[in-house]
């Protein structure tokens, strides 16, 4: 298995063929799932292909940066960290998208190393916090964009990142939320409230 190393300043980021393959597979599945949700059942038109392209760009921004944030922070703590796709959950996400809802659990960054509860909480917080920051940066663009295409792209990017931020705060199973909750109740509550407000803004102003 080929290994890769990327330098981010003084920090060295490690990856592999397996991780890159899994990231691409998850990216494709999630992109199609979000396109299905936003298509209103019109799967055979050029519009659907455009929605897939838009989803690929926006999911690429949200999903990939979310997982990269986990990975960077984990490797900062000298852990082995690589993303692994969960094909069962990816297929479930695709099937549920036909019901108008995307269940986002495409896999996880697998982490091995000697870390304490605080470090594990910070690693977990890095993902949804990245999505929340992206959504906040996109928010003003929703109000000033005049081009219908750009507004569609920005709107999709905002919703995907706000939803990823909120969804991953579920305090159950292996979601980020449960690890953040165990580390810091305050960090959990503040992050959850901000993510919920971002979702509320989207539907309040009908973007």
N, C-alpha and C. Protein backbone atom coordinates (compact mmCIF):
# COMPACT_ATOMS: atom_id res chain seq x y z
N UNK A 1 0.85 -1.20 0.00
CA UNK A 1 0.00 0.00 0.00
C UNK A 1 0.88 1.25 0.00
N UNK A 2 0.70 2.08 -1.01
CA UNK A 2 1.51 3.28 -1.14
C UNK A 2 1.19 4.27 -0.02
N UNK A 3 2.23 4.84 0.57
CA UNK A 3 2.07 5.86 1.60
C UNK A 3 2.42 7.22 1.03
N UNK A 4 1.76 8.25 1.54
CA UNK A 4 2.03 9.61 1.09
C UNK A 4 2.22 10.50 2.31
N UNK A 5 3.04 11.53 2.15
CA UNK A 5 3.23 12.52 3.20
C UNK A 5 3.12 13.90 2.59
N UNK A 6 2.38 14.78 3.25
CA UNK A 6 2.21 16.15 2.79
C UNK A 6 2.64 17.08 3.91
N UNK A 7 3.34 18.12 3.56
CA UNK A 7 3.84 19.06 4.57
C UNK A 7 2.96 20.30 4.62
N UNK A 8 2.39 20.58 5.78
CA UNK A 8 1.60 21.78 6.02
C UNK A 8 2.41 22.65 6.98
N UNK A 9 3.28 23.48 6.41
CA UNK A 9 4.21 24.22 7.23
C UNK A 9 5.22 23.24 7.80
N UNK A 10 5.33 23.18 9.13
CA UNK A 10 6.24 22.25 9.79
C UNK A 10 5.56 20.90 10.08
N UNK A 11 4.27 20.83 9.80
CA UNK A 11 3.51 19.63 10.12
C UNK A 11 3.46 18.68 8.93
N UNK A 12 3.69 17.40 9.18
CA UNK A 12 3.67 16.40 8.13
C UNK A 12 2.39 15.58 8.22
N UNK A 13 1.60 15.60 7.13
CA UNK A 13 0.33 14.88 7.08
C UNK A 13 0.52 13.58 6.30
N UNK A 14 0.18 12.45 6.91
CA UNK A 14 0.38 11.14 6.29
C UNK A 14 -0.94 10.60 5.74
N UNK A 15 -0.87 9.94 4.57
CA UNK A 15 -2.04 9.32 3.98
C UNK A 15 -1.63 8.04 3.27
N UNK A 16 -2.59 7.39 2.58
CA UNK A 16 -2.30 6.15 1.87
C UNK A 16 -3.28 5.97 0.72
N UNK A 17 -2.99 5.02 -0.17
CA UNK A 17 -3.89 4.71 -1.28
C UNK A 17 -5.28 4.33 -0.77
N UNK A 18 -5.33 3.51 0.27
CA UNK A 18 -6.60 3.05 0.83
C UNK A 18 -7.43 4.22 1.32
N UNK A 19 -6.81 5.14 2.02
CA UNK A 19 -7.55 6.29 2.54
C UNK A 19 -8.08 7.15 1.41
N UNK A 20 -7.27 7.43 0.42
CA UNK A 20 -7.69 8.26 -0.71
C UNK A 20 -8.85 7.60 -1.45
N UNK A 21 -8.75 6.28 -1.66
CA UNK A 21 -9.83 5.54 -2.33
C UNK A 21 -11.13 5.64 -1.54
N UNK A 22 -11.07 5.45 -0.24
CA UNK A 22 -12.26 5.51 0.60
C UNK A 22 -12.87 6.91 0.62
N UNK A 23 -12.03 7.93 0.64
CA UNK A 23 -12.52 9.31 0.61
C UNK A 23 -13.26 9.59 -0.69
N UNK A 24 -12.72 9.13 -1.80
CA UNK A 24 -13.35 9.35 -3.11
C UNK A 24 -14.69 8.63 -3.19
N UNK A 25 -14.73 7.37 -2.73
CA UNK A 25 -15.99 6.61 -2.75
C UNK A 25 -17.06 7.30 -1.91
N UNK A 26 -16.70 7.70 -0.70
CA UNK A 26 -17.66 8.38 0.18
C UNK A 26 -18.11 9.70 -0.42
N UNK A 27 -17.18 10.43 -1.03
CA UNK A 27 -17.49 11.71 -1.67
C UNK A 27 -18.53 11.51 -2.77
N UNK A 28 -18.36 10.49 -3.60
CA UNK A 28 -19.29 10.22 -4.70
C UNK A 28 -20.68 9.88 -4.17
N UNK A 29 -20.75 8.98 -3.20
CA UNK A 29 -22.04 8.56 -2.64
C UNK A 29 -22.79 9.75 -2.03
N UNK A 30 -22.08 10.54 -1.23
CA UNK A 30 -22.73 11.67 -0.56
C UNK A 30 -23.17 12.73 -1.57
N UNK A 31 -22.37 12.96 -2.59
CA UNK A 31 -22.71 13.94 -3.63
C UNK A 31 -24.00 13.55 -4.33
N UNK A 32 -24.12 12.27 -4.69
CA UNK A 32 -25.34 11.80 -5.36
C UNK A 32 -26.53 11.87 -4.42
N UNK A 33 -26.33 11.51 -3.15
CA UNK A 33 -27.42 11.53 -2.18
C UNK A 33 -27.98 12.94 -1.99
N UNK A 34 -27.11 13.92 -1.85
CA UNK A 34 -27.57 15.30 -1.69
C UNK A 34 -28.23 15.81 -2.96
N UNK A 35 -27.74 15.39 -4.12
CA UNK A 35 -28.36 15.80 -5.39
C UNK A 35 -29.77 15.24 -5.49
N UNK A 36 -29.97 14.00 -5.05
CA UNK A 36 -31.30 13.38 -5.07
C UNK A 36 -32.27 14.16 -4.20
N UNK A 37 -31.82 14.54 -3.00
CA UNK A 37 -32.68 15.29 -2.08
C UNK A 37 -33.10 16.63 -2.69
N UNK A 38 -32.19 17.29 -3.38
CA UNK A 38 -32.47 18.62 -3.92
C UNK A 38 -33.11 18.59 -5.30
N UNK A 39 -33.30 17.40 -5.87
CA UNK A 39 -33.82 17.31 -7.24
C UNK A 39 -35.33 17.32 -7.35
N UNK A 40 -36.03 17.14 -6.23
CA UNK A 40 -37.50 17.07 -6.21
C UNK A 40 -38.02 15.95 -7.10
N UNK A 41 -37.28 14.86 -7.19
CA UNK A 41 -37.74 13.70 -7.96
C UNK A 41 -37.42 13.73 -9.43
N UNK A 42 -36.78 14.78 -9.90
CA UNK A 42 -36.45 14.91 -11.32
C UNK A 42 -35.04 14.37 -11.56
N UNK A 43 -34.94 13.05 -11.79
CA UNK A 43 -33.63 12.40 -11.88
C UNK A 43 -33.11 12.24 -13.31
N UNK A 44 -33.93 12.55 -14.31
CA UNK A 44 -33.56 12.26 -15.70
C UNK A 44 -33.29 13.51 -16.52
N UNK A 45 -33.11 14.63 -15.86
CA UNK A 45 -32.90 15.88 -16.58
C UNK A 45 -31.46 16.37 -16.43
N UNK A 46 -31.13 17.37 -17.25
CA UNK A 46 -29.80 17.99 -17.13
C UNK A 46 -29.64 18.67 -15.77
N UNK A 47 -30.75 19.11 -15.21
CA UNK A 47 -30.70 19.78 -13.91
C UNK A 47 -30.13 18.84 -12.84
N UNK A 48 -30.49 17.56 -12.94
CA UNK A 48 -29.99 16.60 -11.95
C UNK A 48 -28.48 16.44 -12.05
N UNK A 49 -27.97 16.44 -13.28
CA UNK A 49 -26.52 16.35 -13.47
C UNK A 49 -25.82 17.59 -12.90
N UNK A 50 -26.47 18.75 -13.08
CA UNK A 50 -25.91 19.99 -12.51
C UNK A 50 -25.91 19.91 -10.99
N UNK A 51 -26.99 19.36 -10.42
CA UNK A 51 -27.07 19.22 -8.97
C UNK A 51 -26.00 18.28 -8.43
N UNK A 52 -25.70 17.22 -9.19
CA UNK A 52 -24.63 16.31 -8.78
C UNK A 52 -23.29 17.05 -8.77
N UNK A 53 -23.06 17.85 -9.82
CA UNK A 53 -21.81 18.62 -9.90
C UNK A 53 -21.70 19.61 -8.75
N UNK A 54 -22.81 20.31 -8.47
CA UNK A 54 -22.83 21.28 -7.37
C UNK A 54 -22.59 20.56 -6.04
N UNK A 55 -23.26 19.43 -5.86
CA UNK A 55 -23.09 18.66 -4.62
C UNK A 55 -21.65 18.17 -4.47
N UNK A 56 -21.05 17.76 -5.59
CA UNK A 56 -19.67 17.27 -5.54
C UNK A 56 -18.72 18.36 -5.05
N UNK A 57 -18.95 19.58 -5.53
CA UNK A 57 -18.10 20.70 -5.12
C UNK A 57 -18.34 21.04 -3.65
N UNK A 58 -19.61 21.16 -3.29
CA UNK A 58 -19.93 21.59 -1.92
C UNK A 58 -19.67 20.48 -0.90
N UNK A 59 -19.99 19.24 -1.27
CA UNK A 59 -19.67 18.12 -0.37
C UNK A 59 -18.17 17.96 -0.26
N UNK A 60 -17.48 18.19 -1.39
CA UNK A 60 -16.02 18.12 -1.35
C UNK A 60 -15.45 19.11 -0.36
N UNK A 61 -16.06 20.30 -0.31
CA UNK A 61 -15.61 21.31 0.64
C UNK A 61 -15.95 20.91 2.08
N UNK A 62 -17.19 20.43 2.27
CA UNK A 62 -17.64 20.12 3.63
C UNK A 62 -17.15 18.79 4.17
N UNK A 63 -17.41 17.72 3.44
CA UNK A 63 -17.05 16.38 3.90
C UNK A 63 -15.53 16.19 4.01
N UNK A 64 -14.81 16.56 2.95
CA UNK A 64 -13.36 16.33 2.95
C UNK A 64 -12.66 17.16 4.03
N UNK A 65 -13.06 18.42 4.18
CA UNK A 65 -12.43 19.26 5.20
C UNK A 65 -12.79 18.79 6.61
N UNK A 66 -14.01 18.28 6.76
CA UNK A 66 -14.43 17.72 8.06
C UNK A 66 -13.50 16.57 8.46
N UNK A 67 -13.32 15.64 7.55
CA UNK A 67 -12.47 14.48 7.85
C UNK A 67 -11.00 14.88 7.99
N UNK A 68 -10.57 15.82 7.15
CA UNK A 68 -9.18 16.28 7.22
C UNK A 68 -8.90 16.96 8.55
N UNK A 69 -9.90 17.69 9.07
CA UNK A 69 -9.73 18.35 10.37
C UNK A 69 -9.49 17.33 11.48
N UNK A 70 -10.30 16.25 11.48
CA UNK A 70 -10.07 15.18 12.45
C UNK A 70 -8.66 14.62 12.31
N UNK A 71 -8.27 14.36 11.08
CA UNK A 71 -6.99 13.73 10.80
C UNK A 71 -5.82 14.60 11.23
N UNK A 72 -5.88 15.89 10.88
CA UNK A 72 -4.78 16.81 11.20
C UNK A 72 -4.60 16.92 12.72
N UNK A 73 -5.71 17.09 13.44
CA UNK A 73 -5.61 17.24 14.89
C UNK A 73 -5.12 15.94 15.53
N UNK A 74 -5.62 14.81 15.05
CA UNK A 74 -5.18 13.52 15.59
C UNK A 74 -3.69 13.30 15.36
N UNK A 75 -3.23 13.61 14.14
CA UNK A 75 -1.81 13.44 13.86
C UNK A 75 -0.96 14.46 14.61
N UNK A 76 -1.57 15.61 14.92
CA UNK A 76 -0.89 16.59 15.77
C UNK A 76 -0.59 15.99 17.15
N UNK A 77 -1.50 15.13 17.61
CA UNK A 77 -1.30 14.44 18.89
C UNK A 77 -0.52 13.13 18.71
N UNK A 78 0.15 12.99 17.57
CA UNK A 78 1.03 11.85 17.28
C UNK A 78 0.28 10.52 17.18
N UNK A 79 -0.96 10.58 16.67
CA UNK A 79 -1.74 9.37 16.46
C UNK A 79 -1.68 8.95 14.99
N UNK A 80 -1.87 7.67 14.74
CA UNK A 80 -2.13 7.20 13.38
C UNK A 80 -3.59 7.50 13.10
N UNK A 81 -3.88 8.13 11.97
CA UNK A 81 -5.26 8.53 11.68
C UNK A 81 -5.52 8.46 10.18
N UNK A 82 -6.49 7.64 9.79
CA UNK A 82 -6.88 7.53 8.39
C UNK A 82 -8.38 7.32 8.28
N UNK A 83 -8.98 7.91 7.24
CA UNK A 83 -10.42 7.75 7.00
C UNK A 83 -10.70 6.38 6.41
N UNK A 84 -11.79 5.76 6.87
CA UNK A 84 -12.28 4.52 6.30
C UNK A 84 -13.78 4.65 6.03
N UNK A 85 -14.16 4.36 4.79
CA UNK A 85 -15.56 4.45 4.40
C UNK A 85 -16.35 3.28 4.97
N UNK A 86 -17.64 3.53 5.25
CA UNK A 86 -18.55 2.48 5.70
C UNK A 86 -19.57 2.27 4.58
N UNK A 87 -19.39 1.22 3.78
CA UNK A 87 -20.24 1.01 2.61
C UNK A 87 -21.70 0.80 2.99
N UNK A 88 -21.96 0.14 4.10
CA UNK A 88 -23.34 -0.07 4.54
C UNK A 88 -24.04 1.26 4.79
N UNK A 89 -23.37 2.16 5.49
CA UNK A 89 -23.96 3.46 5.80
C UNK A 89 -24.05 4.35 4.56
N UNK A 90 -23.13 4.19 3.63
CA UNK A 90 -23.19 4.97 2.39
C UNK A 90 -24.38 4.54 1.54
N UNK A 91 -24.62 3.24 1.46
CA UNK A 91 -25.78 2.73 0.72
C UNK A 91 -27.07 3.17 1.41
N UNK A 92 -27.09 3.13 2.74
CA UNK A 92 -28.25 3.60 3.50
C UNK A 92 -28.51 5.08 3.23
N UNK A 93 -27.46 5.88 3.19
CA UNK A 93 -27.60 7.31 2.90
C UNK A 93 -28.22 7.52 1.53
N UNK A 94 -27.78 6.72 0.56
CA UNK A 94 -28.31 6.84 -0.81
C UNK A 94 -29.79 6.46 -0.84
N UNK A 95 -30.16 5.38 -0.17
CA UNK A 95 -31.55 4.93 -0.16
C UNK A 95 -32.45 5.94 0.56
N UNK A 96 -31.99 6.46 1.68
CA UNK A 96 -32.80 7.41 2.45
C UNK A 96 -32.96 8.74 1.74
N UNK A 97 -32.03 9.06 0.85
CA UNK A 97 -32.12 10.33 0.12
C UNK A 97 -33.38 10.37 -0.75
N UNK A 98 -33.88 9.21 -1.17
CA UNK A 98 -35.12 9.17 -1.96
C UNK A 98 -36.33 9.52 -1.10
N UNK A 99 -36.16 9.49 0.21
CA UNK A 99 -37.23 9.90 1.13
C UNK A 99 -37.10 11.36 1.51
N UNK A 100 -36.09 12.04 0.94
CA UNK A 100 -35.90 13.46 1.20
C UNK A 100 -35.01 13.77 2.38
N UNK A 101 -34.24 12.79 2.83
CA UNK A 101 -33.40 12.98 4.01
C UNK A 101 -32.09 12.24 3.81
N UNK A 102 -30.98 12.90 4.15
CA UNK A 102 -29.67 12.26 4.03
C UNK A 102 -29.14 11.92 5.41
N UNK A 103 -28.96 10.63 5.66
CA UNK A 103 -28.36 10.17 6.91
C UNK A 103 -26.86 10.11 6.69
N UNK A 104 -26.13 11.06 7.28
CA UNK A 104 -24.71 11.23 6.95
C UNK A 104 -23.82 10.51 7.95
N UNK A 105 -23.47 9.28 7.62
CA UNK A 105 -22.49 8.54 8.42
C UNK A 105 -21.63 7.74 7.45
N UNK A 106 -20.86 8.44 6.62
CA UNK A 106 -20.13 7.78 5.51
C UNK A 106 -18.94 6.95 5.94
N UNK A 107 -18.57 7.06 7.18
CA UNK A 107 -17.37 6.38 7.67
C UNK A 107 -16.77 7.22 8.78
N UNK A 108 -15.51 7.01 9.05
CA UNK A 108 -14.88 7.77 10.13
C UNK A 108 -13.37 7.74 9.98
N UNK A 109 -12.74 8.71 10.61
CA UNK A 109 -11.29 8.70 10.70
C UNK A 109 -10.92 7.75 11.83
N UNK A 110 -10.26 6.67 11.47
CA UNK A 110 -9.83 5.68 12.46
C UNK A 110 -8.55 6.20 13.13
N UNK A 111 -8.55 6.21 14.45
CA UNK A 111 -7.45 6.81 15.20
C UNK A 111 -6.86 5.79 16.17
N UNK A 112 -5.55 5.67 16.13
CA UNK A 112 -4.85 4.80 17.07
C UNK A 112 -3.70 5.60 17.70
N UNK A 113 -3.68 5.62 19.01
CA UNK A 113 -2.63 6.35 19.70
C UNK A 113 -2.98 6.52 21.17
N UNK A 114 -2.07 7.08 21.91
CA UNK A 114 -2.25 7.28 23.34
C UNK A 114 -2.77 8.69 23.59
N UNK A 115 -4.11 8.82 23.67
CA UNK A 115 -4.72 10.13 23.89
C UNK A 115 -5.66 10.06 25.09
N UNK A 116 -5.83 11.20 25.76
CA UNK A 116 -6.74 11.26 26.89
C UNK A 116 -8.11 11.77 26.43
N UNK A 117 -9.05 11.89 27.38
CA UNK A 117 -10.42 12.29 27.06
C UNK A 117 -10.47 13.68 26.45
N UNK A 118 -9.66 14.59 26.95
CA UNK A 118 -9.63 15.96 26.43
C UNK A 118 -9.15 15.97 24.99
N UNK A 119 -8.06 15.28 24.71
CA UNK A 119 -7.53 15.24 23.35
C UNK A 119 -8.51 14.59 22.39
N UNK A 120 -9.17 13.53 22.84
CA UNK A 120 -10.17 12.86 22.00
C UNK A 120 -11.34 13.79 21.71
N UNK A 121 -11.73 14.58 22.72
CA UNK A 121 -12.81 15.54 22.52
C UNK A 121 -12.43 16.63 21.54
N UNK A 122 -11.22 17.12 21.62
CA UNK A 122 -10.75 18.16 20.70
C UNK A 122 -10.65 17.62 19.28
N UNK A 123 -10.16 16.40 19.13
CA UNK A 123 -10.10 15.77 17.81
C UNK A 123 -11.51 15.67 17.22
N UNK A 124 -12.47 15.27 18.04
CA UNK A 124 -13.85 15.12 17.59
C UNK A 124 -14.48 16.46 17.25
N UNK A 125 -14.19 17.48 18.04
CA UNK A 125 -14.75 18.81 17.81
C UNK A 125 -14.23 19.43 16.52
N UNK A 126 -13.03 19.07 16.11
CA UNK A 126 -12.41 19.68 14.92
C UNK A 126 -13.27 19.54 13.67
N UNK A 127 -13.94 18.38 13.52
CA UNK A 127 -14.75 18.14 12.32
C UNK A 127 -15.96 19.05 12.22
N UNK A 128 -16.93 18.95 13.16
CA UNK A 128 -18.10 19.82 13.08
C UNK A 128 -17.77 21.30 13.19
N UNK A 129 -16.73 21.64 13.95
CA UNK A 129 -16.34 23.05 14.05
C UNK A 129 -15.89 23.58 12.70
N UNK A 130 -15.18 22.76 11.93
CA UNK A 130 -14.76 23.16 10.59
C UNK A 130 -15.98 23.44 9.71
N UNK A 131 -16.99 22.56 9.78
CA UNK A 131 -18.21 22.77 8.99
C UNK A 131 -18.95 24.03 9.41
N UNK A 132 -19.00 24.28 10.70
CA UNK A 132 -19.68 25.48 11.20
C UNK A 132 -18.97 26.74 10.72
N UNK A 133 -17.66 26.74 10.76
CA UNK A 133 -16.89 27.90 10.30
C UNK A 133 -17.13 28.15 8.82
N UNK A 134 -17.14 27.09 8.01
CA UNK A 134 -17.40 27.24 6.57
C UNK A 134 -18.79 27.82 6.35
N UNK A 135 -19.80 27.30 7.07
CA UNK A 135 -21.17 27.80 6.93
C UNK A 135 -21.26 29.28 7.30
N UNK A 136 -20.59 29.68 8.36
CA UNK A 136 -20.60 31.08 8.79
C UNK A 136 -19.95 31.97 7.73
N UNK A 137 -18.88 31.50 7.11
CA UNK A 137 -18.21 32.26 6.06
C UNK A 137 -19.09 32.40 4.82
N UNK A 138 -19.92 31.38 4.55
CA UNK A 138 -20.79 31.41 3.38
C UNK A 138 -22.07 32.22 3.62
N UNK A 139 -22.44 32.38 4.89
CA UNK A 139 -23.72 33.03 5.22
C UNK A 139 -23.91 34.40 4.58
N UNK A 140 -22.96 35.34 4.71
CA UNK A 140 -23.19 36.66 4.09
C UNK A 140 -23.31 36.59 2.57
N UNK A 141 -22.67 35.60 1.95
CA UNK A 141 -22.74 35.47 0.49
C UNK A 141 -24.14 35.09 0.03
N UNK A 142 -24.92 34.44 0.91
CA UNK A 142 -26.29 34.09 0.56
C UNK A 142 -27.15 35.32 0.34
N UNK A 143 -26.84 36.39 1.05
CA UNK A 143 -27.65 37.61 0.98
C UNK A 143 -27.21 38.55 -0.13
N UNK A 144 -25.97 38.41 -0.60
CA UNK A 144 -25.47 39.37 -1.59
C UNK A 144 -25.32 38.77 -2.99
N UNK A 145 -25.42 37.43 -3.10
CA UNK A 145 -25.27 36.80 -4.41
C UNK A 145 -26.49 37.07 -5.29
N UNK A 146 -26.25 37.49 -6.53
CA UNK A 146 -27.34 37.79 -7.46
C UNK A 146 -27.46 36.73 -8.56
N UNK A 147 -26.39 36.04 -8.86
CA UNK A 147 -26.41 34.99 -9.89
C UNK A 147 -27.14 33.76 -9.35
N UNK A 148 -28.10 33.24 -10.12
CA UNK A 148 -28.86 32.08 -9.66
C UNK A 148 -27.97 30.85 -9.49
N UNK A 149 -26.99 30.67 -10.38
CA UNK A 149 -26.10 29.52 -10.28
C UNK A 149 -25.22 29.62 -9.04
N UNK A 150 -24.62 30.81 -8.84
CA UNK A 150 -23.76 30.99 -7.68
C UNK A 150 -24.56 30.87 -6.39
N UNK A 151 -25.79 31.38 -6.40
CA UNK A 151 -26.62 31.28 -5.20
C UNK A 151 -26.95 29.82 -4.90
N UNK A 152 -27.18 29.03 -5.95
CA UNK A 152 -27.45 27.60 -5.76
C UNK A 152 -26.24 26.90 -5.15
N UNK A 153 -25.05 27.24 -5.66
CA UNK A 153 -23.82 26.63 -5.15
C UNK A 153 -23.58 27.04 -3.69
N UNK A 154 -23.71 28.34 -3.43
CA UNK A 154 -23.47 28.85 -2.07
C UNK A 154 -24.51 28.29 -1.11
N UNK A 155 -25.78 28.24 -1.57
CA UNK A 155 -26.85 27.71 -0.74
C UNK A 155 -26.60 26.24 -0.38
N UNK A 156 -26.19 25.45 -1.38
CA UNK A 156 -25.90 24.04 -1.13
C UNK A 156 -24.71 23.89 -0.19
N UNK A 157 -23.68 24.69 -0.41
CA UNK A 157 -22.50 24.64 0.46
C UNK A 157 -22.84 25.00 1.89
N UNK A 158 -23.67 26.03 2.05
CA UNK A 158 -24.07 26.46 3.39
C UNK A 158 -24.87 25.36 4.09
N UNK A 159 -25.89 24.83 3.39
CA UNK A 159 -26.76 23.83 4.00
C UNK A 159 -25.99 22.57 4.36
N UNK A 160 -25.15 22.10 3.44
CA UNK A 160 -24.39 20.87 3.69
C UNK A 160 -23.48 21.03 4.90
N UNK A 161 -22.80 22.16 4.99
CA UNK A 161 -21.88 22.36 6.11
C UNK A 161 -22.62 22.59 7.43
N UNK A 162 -23.71 23.34 7.38
CA UNK A 162 -24.50 23.53 8.60
C UNK A 162 -25.08 22.20 9.08
N UNK A 163 -25.56 21.39 8.11
CA UNK A 163 -26.15 20.10 8.46
C UNK A 163 -25.09 19.12 8.96
N UNK A 164 -23.93 19.10 8.33
CA UNK A 164 -22.84 18.24 8.80
C UNK A 164 -22.44 18.63 10.23
N UNK A 165 -22.39 19.94 10.48
CA UNK A 165 -22.04 20.41 11.81
C UNK A 165 -23.05 19.96 12.85
N UNK A 166 -24.35 20.08 12.52
CA UNK A 166 -25.40 19.71 13.46
C UNK A 166 -25.52 18.19 13.62
N UNK A 167 -25.54 17.48 12.50
CA UNK A 167 -25.75 16.03 12.52
C UNK A 167 -24.67 15.31 13.32
N UNK A 168 -23.43 15.76 13.17
CA UNK A 168 -22.33 15.10 13.86
C UNK A 168 -22.30 15.38 15.36
N UNK A 169 -23.18 16.28 15.82
CA UNK A 169 -23.26 16.56 17.25
C UNK A 169 -24.21 15.62 17.98
N UNK A 170 -24.81 14.66 17.26
CA UNK A 170 -25.65 13.66 17.92
C UNK A 170 -24.83 12.95 19.01
N UNK A 171 -25.29 12.99 20.26
CA UNK A 171 -24.48 12.42 21.36
C UNK A 171 -24.70 10.92 21.56
N UNK A 172 -24.63 10.18 20.48
CA UNK A 172 -24.87 8.74 20.53
C UNK A 172 -23.85 8.00 19.68
N UNK A 173 -23.82 6.68 19.86
CA UNK A 173 -23.08 5.76 19.00
C UNK A 173 -21.62 6.22 18.90
N UNK A 174 -21.12 6.37 17.64
CA UNK A 174 -19.73 6.78 17.47
C UNK A 174 -19.63 8.17 16.85
N UNK A 175 -20.71 8.96 16.97
CA UNK A 175 -20.69 10.32 16.42
C UNK A 175 -19.74 11.20 17.22
N UNK A 176 -19.33 12.31 16.59
CA UNK A 176 -18.44 13.25 17.27
C UNK A 176 -19.06 13.77 18.56
N UNK A 177 -20.39 13.95 18.54
CA UNK A 177 -21.08 14.56 19.66
C UNK A 177 -20.86 13.85 20.99
N UNK A 178 -20.88 12.53 20.99
CA UNK A 178 -20.75 11.79 22.24
C UNK A 178 -19.36 11.98 22.85
N UNK A 179 -18.33 12.08 22.01
CA UNK A 179 -16.96 12.27 22.51
C UNK A 179 -16.75 13.70 23.00
N UNK A 180 -17.40 14.65 22.32
CA UNK A 180 -17.32 16.05 22.76
C UNK A 180 -18.06 16.21 24.09
N UNK A 181 -19.23 15.58 24.21
CA UNK A 181 -20.03 15.64 25.43
C UNK A 181 -19.26 15.08 26.63
N UNK A 182 -18.58 13.96 26.42
CA UNK A 182 -17.82 13.34 27.51
C UNK A 182 -16.66 14.22 27.95
N UNK A 183 -16.12 14.99 27.00
CA UNK A 183 -14.98 15.86 27.33
C UNK A 183 -15.44 17.17 27.97
N UNK A 184 -16.40 17.86 27.30
CA UNK A 184 -16.81 19.18 27.78
C UNK A 184 -18.27 19.43 27.44
N UNK A 185 -19.11 19.48 28.47
CA UNK A 185 -20.54 19.76 28.26
C UNK A 185 -20.72 21.15 27.66
N UNK A 186 -19.92 22.11 28.10
CA UNK A 186 -20.03 23.48 27.60
C UNK A 186 -19.70 23.55 26.12
N UNK A 187 -18.59 22.93 25.72
CA UNK A 187 -18.20 22.93 24.31
C UNK A 187 -19.28 22.28 23.46
N UNK A 188 -19.87 21.21 23.98
CA UNK A 188 -20.93 20.52 23.25
C UNK A 188 -22.15 21.42 23.06
N UNK A 189 -22.63 22.02 24.14
CA UNK A 189 -23.84 22.84 24.09
C UNK A 189 -23.66 24.05 23.18
N UNK A 190 -22.53 24.74 23.31
CA UNK A 190 -22.28 25.93 22.49
C UNK A 190 -22.22 25.56 21.01
N UNK A 191 -21.51 24.48 20.69
CA UNK A 191 -21.39 24.04 19.29
C UNK A 191 -22.75 23.63 18.74
N UNK A 192 -23.52 22.90 19.52
CA UNK A 192 -24.85 22.44 19.10
C UNK A 192 -25.78 23.62 18.82
N UNK A 193 -25.76 24.61 19.70
CA UNK A 193 -26.64 25.78 19.54
C UNK A 193 -26.27 26.55 18.27
N UNK A 194 -25.00 26.76 18.05
CA UNK A 194 -24.56 27.50 16.85
C UNK A 194 -24.98 26.76 15.59
N UNK A 195 -24.77 25.45 15.55
CA UNK A 195 -25.15 24.66 14.38
C UNK A 195 -26.65 24.71 14.15
N UNK A 196 -27.44 24.63 15.23
CA UNK A 196 -28.90 24.67 15.11
C UNK A 196 -29.37 26.03 14.60
N UNK A 197 -28.73 27.10 15.06
CA UNK A 197 -29.08 28.45 14.59
C UNK A 197 -28.80 28.58 13.10
N UNK A 198 -27.70 28.03 12.63
CA UNK A 198 -27.36 28.09 11.21
C UNK A 198 -28.41 27.37 10.36
N UNK A 199 -28.89 26.23 10.82
CA UNK A 199 -29.94 25.51 10.11
C UNK A 199 -31.23 26.32 10.13
N UNK A 200 -31.56 26.91 11.27
CA UNK A 200 -32.77 27.72 11.40
C UNK A 200 -32.74 28.89 10.42
N UNK A 201 -31.60 29.56 10.32
CA UNK A 201 -31.46 30.70 9.40
C UNK A 201 -31.74 30.27 7.97
N UNK A 202 -31.24 29.10 7.58
CA UNK A 202 -31.42 28.63 6.20
C UNK A 202 -32.91 28.49 5.86
N UNK A 203 -33.66 27.84 6.74
CA UNK A 203 -35.07 27.61 6.44
C UNK A 203 -35.93 28.84 6.74
N UNK A 204 -35.50 29.68 7.66
CA UNK A 204 -36.23 30.91 7.96
C UNK A 204 -36.27 31.83 6.75
N UNK A 205 -35.14 31.95 6.05
CA UNK A 205 -35.06 32.84 4.90
C UNK A 205 -35.24 32.10 3.58
N UNK A 206 -35.58 30.80 3.65
CA UNK A 206 -35.93 30.00 2.47
C UNK A 206 -34.90 30.10 1.36
N UNK A 207 -33.62 29.85 1.71
CA UNK A 207 -32.58 29.86 0.70
C UNK A 207 -32.67 28.61 -0.17
